[in-house]
């Protein structure tokens, strides 16, 4: 049963974006964690999204920064 779970985790990683595998390679402690506890996959995804700033709040912050930059450029060009 454990090997089936490991294959399921591996398949999830391969099906997702390459950032999942990249994060896994850069943080090799997750190999052991996911092999021993496949239920920690959700935590792995959460940590990966924090690292690569893929959370919704990160996207909102990036959007606000972009709008702020555009506003400053427009105000500077009007002066």
N, C-alpha and C. Protein backbone atom coordinates (compact mmCIF):
# COMPACT_ATOMS: atom_id res chain seq x y z
N UNK A 1 0.82 -1.20 0.00
CA UNK A 1 0.00 0.00 0.00
C UNK A 1 0.86 1.26 0.00
N UNK A 2 1.98 1.23 0.71
CA UNK A 2 2.84 2.41 0.78
C UNK A 2 3.43 2.73 -0.59
N UNK A 3 3.86 1.72 -1.34
CA UNK A 3 4.43 1.96 -2.65
C UNK A 3 3.42 2.57 -3.61
N UNK A 4 2.17 2.17 -3.50
CA UNK A 4 1.13 2.75 -4.34
C UNK A 4 1.00 4.24 -4.04
N UNK A 5 1.04 4.60 -2.77
CA UNK A 5 0.96 6.01 -2.39
C UNK A 5 2.17 6.77 -2.94
N UNK A 6 3.34 6.17 -2.90
CA UNK A 6 4.53 6.84 -3.41
C UNK A 6 4.40 7.08 -4.91
N UNK A 7 3.87 6.11 -5.62
CA UNK A 7 3.67 6.28 -7.05
C UNK A 7 2.63 7.37 -7.33
N UNK A 8 1.62 7.42 -6.48
CA UNK A 8 0.61 8.47 -6.65
C UNK A 8 1.22 9.85 -6.46
N UNK A 9 2.06 9.99 -5.46
CA UNK A 9 2.73 11.27 -5.22
C UNK A 9 3.64 11.61 -6.40
N UNK A 10 4.38 10.64 -6.85
CA UNK A 10 5.29 10.86 -7.98
C UNK A 10 4.51 11.26 -9.23
N UNK A 11 3.40 10.63 -9.46
CA UNK A 11 2.56 10.98 -10.62
C UNK A 11 2.00 12.39 -10.48
N UNK A 12 1.59 12.76 -9.27
CA UNK A 12 1.11 14.12 -9.06
C UNK A 12 2.20 15.13 -9.38
N UNK A 13 3.41 14.83 -8.94
CA UNK A 13 4.52 15.75 -9.19
C UNK A 13 4.82 15.88 -10.68
N UNK A 14 4.75 14.79 -11.39
CA UNK A 14 5.04 14.82 -12.83
C UNK A 14 3.92 15.49 -13.63
N UNK A 15 2.69 15.36 -13.14
CA UNK A 15 1.56 15.96 -13.85
C UNK A 15 1.52 17.47 -13.67
N UNK A 16 2.01 17.95 -12.57
CA UNK A 16 1.96 19.38 -12.27
C UNK A 16 3.06 20.11 -13.03
N UNK A 17 3.14 21.37 -12.75
CA UNK A 17 4.13 22.25 -13.36
C UNK A 17 5.55 21.79 -13.01
N UNK A 18 6.52 22.14 -13.83
CA UNK A 18 7.91 21.76 -13.57
C UNK A 18 8.45 22.39 -12.29
N UNK A 19 7.79 23.41 -11.79
CA UNK A 19 8.24 24.04 -10.55
C UNK A 19 8.15 23.09 -9.37
N UNK A 20 7.23 22.15 -9.43
CA UNK A 20 7.11 21.18 -8.35
C UNK A 20 8.37 20.33 -8.27
N UNK A 21 8.81 19.82 -9.41
CA UNK A 21 10.01 19.00 -9.42
C UNK A 21 11.25 19.82 -9.12
N UNK A 22 11.29 21.04 -9.60
CA UNK A 22 12.42 21.91 -9.33
C UNK A 22 12.54 22.17 -7.83
N UNK A 23 11.42 22.47 -7.20
CA UNK A 23 11.43 22.71 -5.75
C UNK A 23 11.85 21.44 -5.01
N UNK A 24 11.37 20.31 -5.46
CA UNK A 24 11.73 19.04 -4.83
C UNK A 24 13.23 18.79 -4.94
N UNK A 25 13.82 19.09 -6.07
CA UNK A 25 15.26 18.89 -6.24
C UNK A 25 16.07 19.86 -5.39
N UNK A 26 15.58 21.08 -5.26
CA UNK A 26 16.30 22.08 -4.46
C UNK A 26 16.14 21.85 -2.97
N UNK A 27 15.08 21.18 -2.58
CA UNK A 27 14.80 20.90 -1.16
C UNK A 27 14.65 19.39 -0.99
N UNK A 28 15.76 18.72 -1.00
CA UNK A 28 15.76 17.26 -1.05
C UNK A 28 15.18 16.61 0.21
N UNK A 29 15.03 17.37 1.28
CA UNK A 29 14.41 16.80 2.48
C UNK A 29 12.98 16.36 2.21
N UNK A 30 12.36 16.95 1.18
CA UNK A 30 10.98 16.57 0.84
C UNK A 30 10.89 15.18 0.23
N UNK A 31 11.97 14.67 -0.36
CA UNK A 31 11.95 13.28 -0.87
C UNK A 31 11.61 12.33 0.28
N UNK A 32 12.35 12.49 1.36
CA UNK A 32 12.15 11.61 2.50
C UNK A 32 10.75 11.81 3.11
N UNK A 33 10.36 13.06 3.25
CA UNK A 33 9.06 13.35 3.85
C UNK A 33 7.91 12.76 3.02
N UNK A 34 7.97 12.95 1.71
CA UNK A 34 6.89 12.45 0.86
C UNK A 34 6.89 10.93 0.77
N UNK A 35 8.06 10.32 0.84
CA UNK A 35 8.11 8.85 0.84
C UNK A 35 7.55 8.27 2.13
N UNK A 36 7.86 8.92 3.22
CA UNK A 36 7.39 8.41 4.50
C UNK A 36 5.95 8.78 4.80
N UNK A 37 5.54 9.94 4.33
CA UNK A 37 4.21 10.42 4.63
C UNK A 37 3.60 11.09 3.39
N UNK A 38 3.01 10.32 2.51
CA UNK A 38 2.43 10.89 1.28
C UNK A 38 1.33 11.92 1.54
N UNK A 39 0.73 11.89 2.73
CA UNK A 39 -0.31 12.86 3.05
C UNK A 39 0.25 14.27 3.18
N UNK A 40 1.56 14.39 3.30
CA UNK A 40 2.17 15.72 3.44
C UNK A 40 2.33 16.42 2.08
N UNK A 41 1.77 15.84 1.04
CA UNK A 41 1.85 16.45 -0.29
C UNK A 41 1.24 17.86 -0.30
N UNK A 42 0.14 18.04 0.39
CA UNK A 42 -0.50 19.36 0.44
C UNK A 42 0.41 20.40 1.09
N UNK A 43 1.11 19.99 2.13
CA UNK A 43 2.06 20.89 2.78
C UNK A 43 3.22 21.22 1.83
N UNK A 44 3.67 20.21 1.10
CA UNK A 44 4.72 20.41 0.09
C UNK A 44 4.28 21.46 -0.94
N UNK A 45 3.06 21.33 -1.43
CA UNK A 45 2.54 22.28 -2.42
C UNK A 45 2.46 23.68 -1.81
N UNK A 46 2.01 23.77 -0.58
CA UNK A 46 1.90 25.06 0.09
C UNK A 46 3.28 25.73 0.20
N UNK A 47 4.28 24.98 0.62
CA UNK A 47 5.63 25.52 0.77
C UNK A 47 6.22 25.92 -0.58
N UNK A 48 5.96 25.12 -1.60
CA UNK A 48 6.45 25.43 -2.94
C UNK A 48 5.83 26.72 -3.44
N UNK A 49 4.55 26.90 -3.22
CA UNK A 49 3.86 28.11 -3.67
C UNK A 49 4.37 29.34 -2.91
N UNK A 50 4.70 29.17 -1.64
CA UNK A 50 5.29 30.27 -0.89
C UNK A 50 6.65 30.65 -1.46
N UNK A 51 7.45 29.66 -1.77
CA UNK A 51 8.80 29.90 -2.29
C UNK A 51 8.77 30.62 -3.63
N UNK A 52 7.92 30.16 -4.55
CA UNK A 52 7.87 30.73 -5.89
C UNK A 52 6.82 31.83 -6.04
N UNK A 53 6.22 32.23 -4.92
CA UNK A 53 5.24 33.31 -4.90
C UNK A 53 4.09 33.06 -5.89
N UNK A 54 3.48 31.92 -5.73
CA UNK A 54 2.35 31.52 -6.58
C UNK A 54 1.03 31.56 -5.84
N UNK A 55 1.05 32.05 -4.61
CA UNK A 55 -0.19 32.14 -3.85
C UNK A 55 -1.02 33.31 -4.39
N UNK A 56 -2.29 33.30 -4.08
CA UNK A 56 -3.18 34.36 -4.54
C UNK A 56 -2.73 35.72 -4.01
N UNK A 57 -2.33 35.77 -2.77
CA UNK A 57 -1.91 37.04 -2.19
C UNK A 57 -0.66 37.57 -2.88
N UNK A 58 0.22 36.68 -3.30
CA UNK A 58 1.42 37.10 -4.04
C UNK A 58 1.05 37.68 -5.40
N UNK A 59 0.07 37.07 -6.03
CA UNK A 59 -0.37 37.57 -7.34
C UNK A 59 -1.02 38.94 -7.21
N UNK A 60 -1.80 39.12 -6.15
CA UNK A 60 -2.42 40.42 -5.90
C UNK A 60 -1.35 41.47 -5.63
N UNK A 61 -0.35 41.13 -4.83
CA UNK A 61 0.74 42.06 -4.55
C UNK A 61 1.48 42.45 -5.83
N UNK A 62 1.73 41.48 -6.69
CA UNK A 62 2.41 41.77 -7.96
C UNK A 62 1.56 42.70 -8.82
N UNK A 63 0.27 42.46 -8.83
CA UNK A 63 -0.63 43.32 -9.61
C UNK A 63 -0.62 44.74 -9.06
N UNK A 64 -0.70 44.88 -7.75
CA UNK A 64 -0.68 46.21 -7.13
C UNK A 64 0.63 46.92 -7.43
N UNK A 65 1.74 46.19 -7.36
CA UNK A 65 3.04 46.79 -7.68
C UNK A 65 3.08 47.26 -9.12
N UNK A 66 2.52 46.47 -10.02
CA UNK A 66 2.49 46.84 -11.44
C UNK A 66 1.65 48.09 -11.66
N UNK A 67 0.49 48.15 -11.03
CA UNK A 67 -0.38 49.32 -11.16
C UNK A 67 0.32 50.55 -10.59
N UNK A 68 0.99 50.39 -9.46
CA UNK A 68 1.72 51.49 -8.84
C UNK A 68 2.83 51.99 -9.76
N UNK A 69 3.56 51.09 -10.38
CA UNK A 69 4.62 51.46 -11.31
C UNK A 69 4.05 52.23 -12.50
N UNK A 70 2.98 51.73 -13.06
CA UNK A 70 2.35 52.40 -14.21
C UNK A 70 1.86 53.79 -13.82
N UNK A 71 1.27 53.90 -12.62
CA UNK A 71 0.80 55.20 -12.13
C UNK A 71 1.96 56.20 -12.00
N UNK A 72 3.07 55.71 -11.46
CA UNK A 72 4.24 56.59 -11.31
C UNK A 72 4.81 57.01 -12.65
N UNK A 73 4.84 56.10 -13.61
CA UNK A 73 5.34 56.44 -14.95
C UNK A 73 4.45 57.47 -15.60
N UNK A 74 3.14 57.29 -15.49
CA UNK A 74 2.19 58.24 -16.09
C UNK A 74 2.31 59.61 -15.41
N UNK A 75 2.40 59.64 -14.09
CA UNK A 75 2.52 60.92 -13.40
C UNK A 75 3.86 61.60 -13.72
N UNK A 76 4.91 60.82 -13.90
CA UNK A 76 6.20 61.41 -14.24
C UNK A 76 6.20 61.96 -15.66
N UNK A 77 5.48 61.31 -16.55
CA UNK A 77 5.43 61.77 -17.94
C UNK A 77 4.54 63.02 -18.09
N UNK A 78 3.59 63.20 -17.16
CA UNK A 78 2.73 64.38 -17.19
C UNK A 78 3.42 65.62 -16.64
N UNK A 79 4.47 65.44 -15.89
CA UNK A 79 5.18 66.59 -15.31
C UNK A 79 6.05 67.31 -16.29
